[in-house]
Amino acid sequence: MRFMLIVRMSTEMANATVREGRVGDLLQRSMEQLQPEAAYFGPMDGMRTAFIVFNLDDPAKIPAISEPFFQELGARVDFIPVMTPEDLARGLAAQAQGTSAG
């Protein structure tokens, strides 16, 4: 299932990670692990934020994905299920027919 992972980084902890030169390595490891279809970075709620769209095939992977962000960046982590326009159209068509899109 496709998810958008939103990682809001604690300013204090992220500043320390940036100063120590560790943030690039952390993000590189995360990108290698997630193999995202898209990743964007920018401010949200006044915090450094990553927006990462990827496929999650096993919810048991959530702790391994989240922990580096919690421990190294003091981050708030949200997993949000998302759809492409094609997914939405297929779901709406199935709903109109009274069937399951799966």
Protein backbone atom coordinates (compact mmCIF):
# COMPACT_ATOMS: atom_id res chain seq x y z
CA MET A 1 0.00 0.00 0.00
CA ARG A 2 1.23 3.49 -0.84
CA PHE A 3 1.89 5.83 2.09
CA MET A 4 3.13 9.35 2.56
CA LEU A 5 5.56 9.46 5.45
CA ILE A 6 5.73 12.92 7.01
CA VAL A 7 8.72 13.45 9.29
CA ARG A 8 8.69 16.70 11.31
CA MET A 9 12.11 17.10 12.89
CA SER A 10 12.77 18.63 16.28
CA THR A 11 14.65 21.85 15.57
CA GLU A 12 17.05 21.33 18.47
CA MET A 13 17.90 17.70 17.65
CA ALA A 14 18.00 18.29 13.89
CA ASN A 15 20.35 21.26 14.41
CA ALA A 16 22.72 19.03 16.36
CA THR A 17 22.52 16.31 13.69
CA VAL A 18 23.24 18.86 10.95
CA ARG A 19 26.18 20.37 12.88
CA GLU A 20 27.63 16.90 13.46
CA GLY A 21 27.33 16.07 9.75
CA ARG A 22 25.07 13.06 10.37
CA VAL A 23 21.82 14.19 8.76
CA GLY A 24 22.87 13.33 5.20
CA ASP A 25 23.79 9.78 6.18
CA LEU A 26 20.51 9.32 8.05
CA LEU A 27 18.46 10.52 5.07
CA GLN A 28 20.51 8.41 2.62
CA ARG A 29 19.94 5.26 4.71
CA SER A 30 16.22 6.04 4.88
CA MET A 31 15.97 6.54 1.12
CA GLU A 32 17.78 3.24 0.50
CA GLN A 33 15.46 1.44 2.92
CA LEU A 34 12.22 2.96 1.59
CA GLN A 35 13.01 3.18 -2.14
CA PRO A 36 10.48 6.05 -2.39
CA GLU A 37 8.60 6.97 -5.53
CA ALA A 38 9.00 10.61 -4.42
CA ALA A 39 10.68 12.53 -1.61
CA TYR A 40 10.47 16.24 -0.84
CA PHE A 41 11.91 18.38 1.92
CA GLY A 42 10.73 21.74 3.24
CA PRO A 43 9.29 23.56 6.23
CA MET A 44 5.99 22.60 7.88
CA ASP A 45 4.70 24.05 11.13
CA GLY A 46 8.04 25.87 11.43
CA MET A 47 10.02 22.61 11.42
CA ARG A 48 12.30 20.85 8.93
CA THR A 49 10.05 18.28 7.29
CA ALA A 50 10.41 15.35 4.92
CA PHE A 51 7.51 14.19 2.75
CA ILE A 52 8.25 10.69 1.46
CA VAL A 53 5.89 8.62 -0.73
CA PHE A 54 6.65 4.90 -0.73
CA ASN A 55 5.05 1.46 -0.76
CA LEU A 56 4.71 -0.36 2.55
CA ASP A 57 4.07 -4.07 2.08
CA ASP A 58 4.33 -5.06 5.75
CA PRO A 59 3.18 -2.93 8.71
CA ALA A 60 5.72 -4.74 10.90
CA LYS A 61 8.36 -2.55 9.17
CA ILE A 62 6.92 0.64 10.74
CA PRO A 63 9.16 0.52 13.85
CA ALA A 64 12.34 0.06 11.77
CA ILE A 65 11.32 2.97 9.53
CA SER A 66 10.32 5.27 12.40
CA GLU A 67 12.98 4.67 15.06
CA PRO A 68 15.91 6.42 13.35
CA PHE A 69 13.76 9.54 12.96
CA PHE A 70 12.60 9.38 16.58
CA GLN A 71 16.02 8.68 18.05
CA GLU A 72 18.27 10.82 15.86
CA LEU A 73 15.98 13.74 15.04
CA GLY A 74 13.37 13.78 17.81
CA ALA A 75 10.85 13.69 14.99
CA ARG A 76 7.10 13.44 14.86
CA VAL A 77 6.33 10.72 12.31
CA ASP A 78 3.02 10.25 10.48
CA PHE A 79 2.11 7.46 8.04
CA ILE A 80 -0.76 8.53 5.80
CA PRO A 81 -2.32 6.17 3.21
CA VAL A 82 -2.45 7.93 -0.17
CA MET A 83 -3.71 7.20 -3.69
CA THR A 84 -2.80 8.19 -7.21
CA PRO A 85 -5.55 9.70 -9.38
CA GLU A 86 -5.89 6.28 -11.03
CA ASP A 87 -6.34 4.56 -7.65
CA LEU A 88 -9.03 7.07 -6.72
CA ALA A 89 -10.88 6.64 -10.04
CA ARG A 90 -10.80 2.85 -9.67
CA GLY A 91 -12.08 3.07 -6.09
CA LEU A 92 -14.87 5.47 -6.99
CA ALA A 93 -15.93 3.30 -9.95
CA ALA A 94 -16.03 0.22 -7.73
CA GLN A 95 -18.00 2.09 -5.06
CA ALA A 96 -20.54 3.27 -7.66
CA GLN A 97 -21.00 -0.33 -8.77
CA GLY A 98 -21.30 -1.50 -5.18
CA THR A 99 -18.19 -3.68 -5.41
CA SER A 100 -14.77 -3.77 -3.79
CA ALA A 101 -11.87 -2.09 -5.64
CA GLY A 102 -9.36 -4.68 -4.36
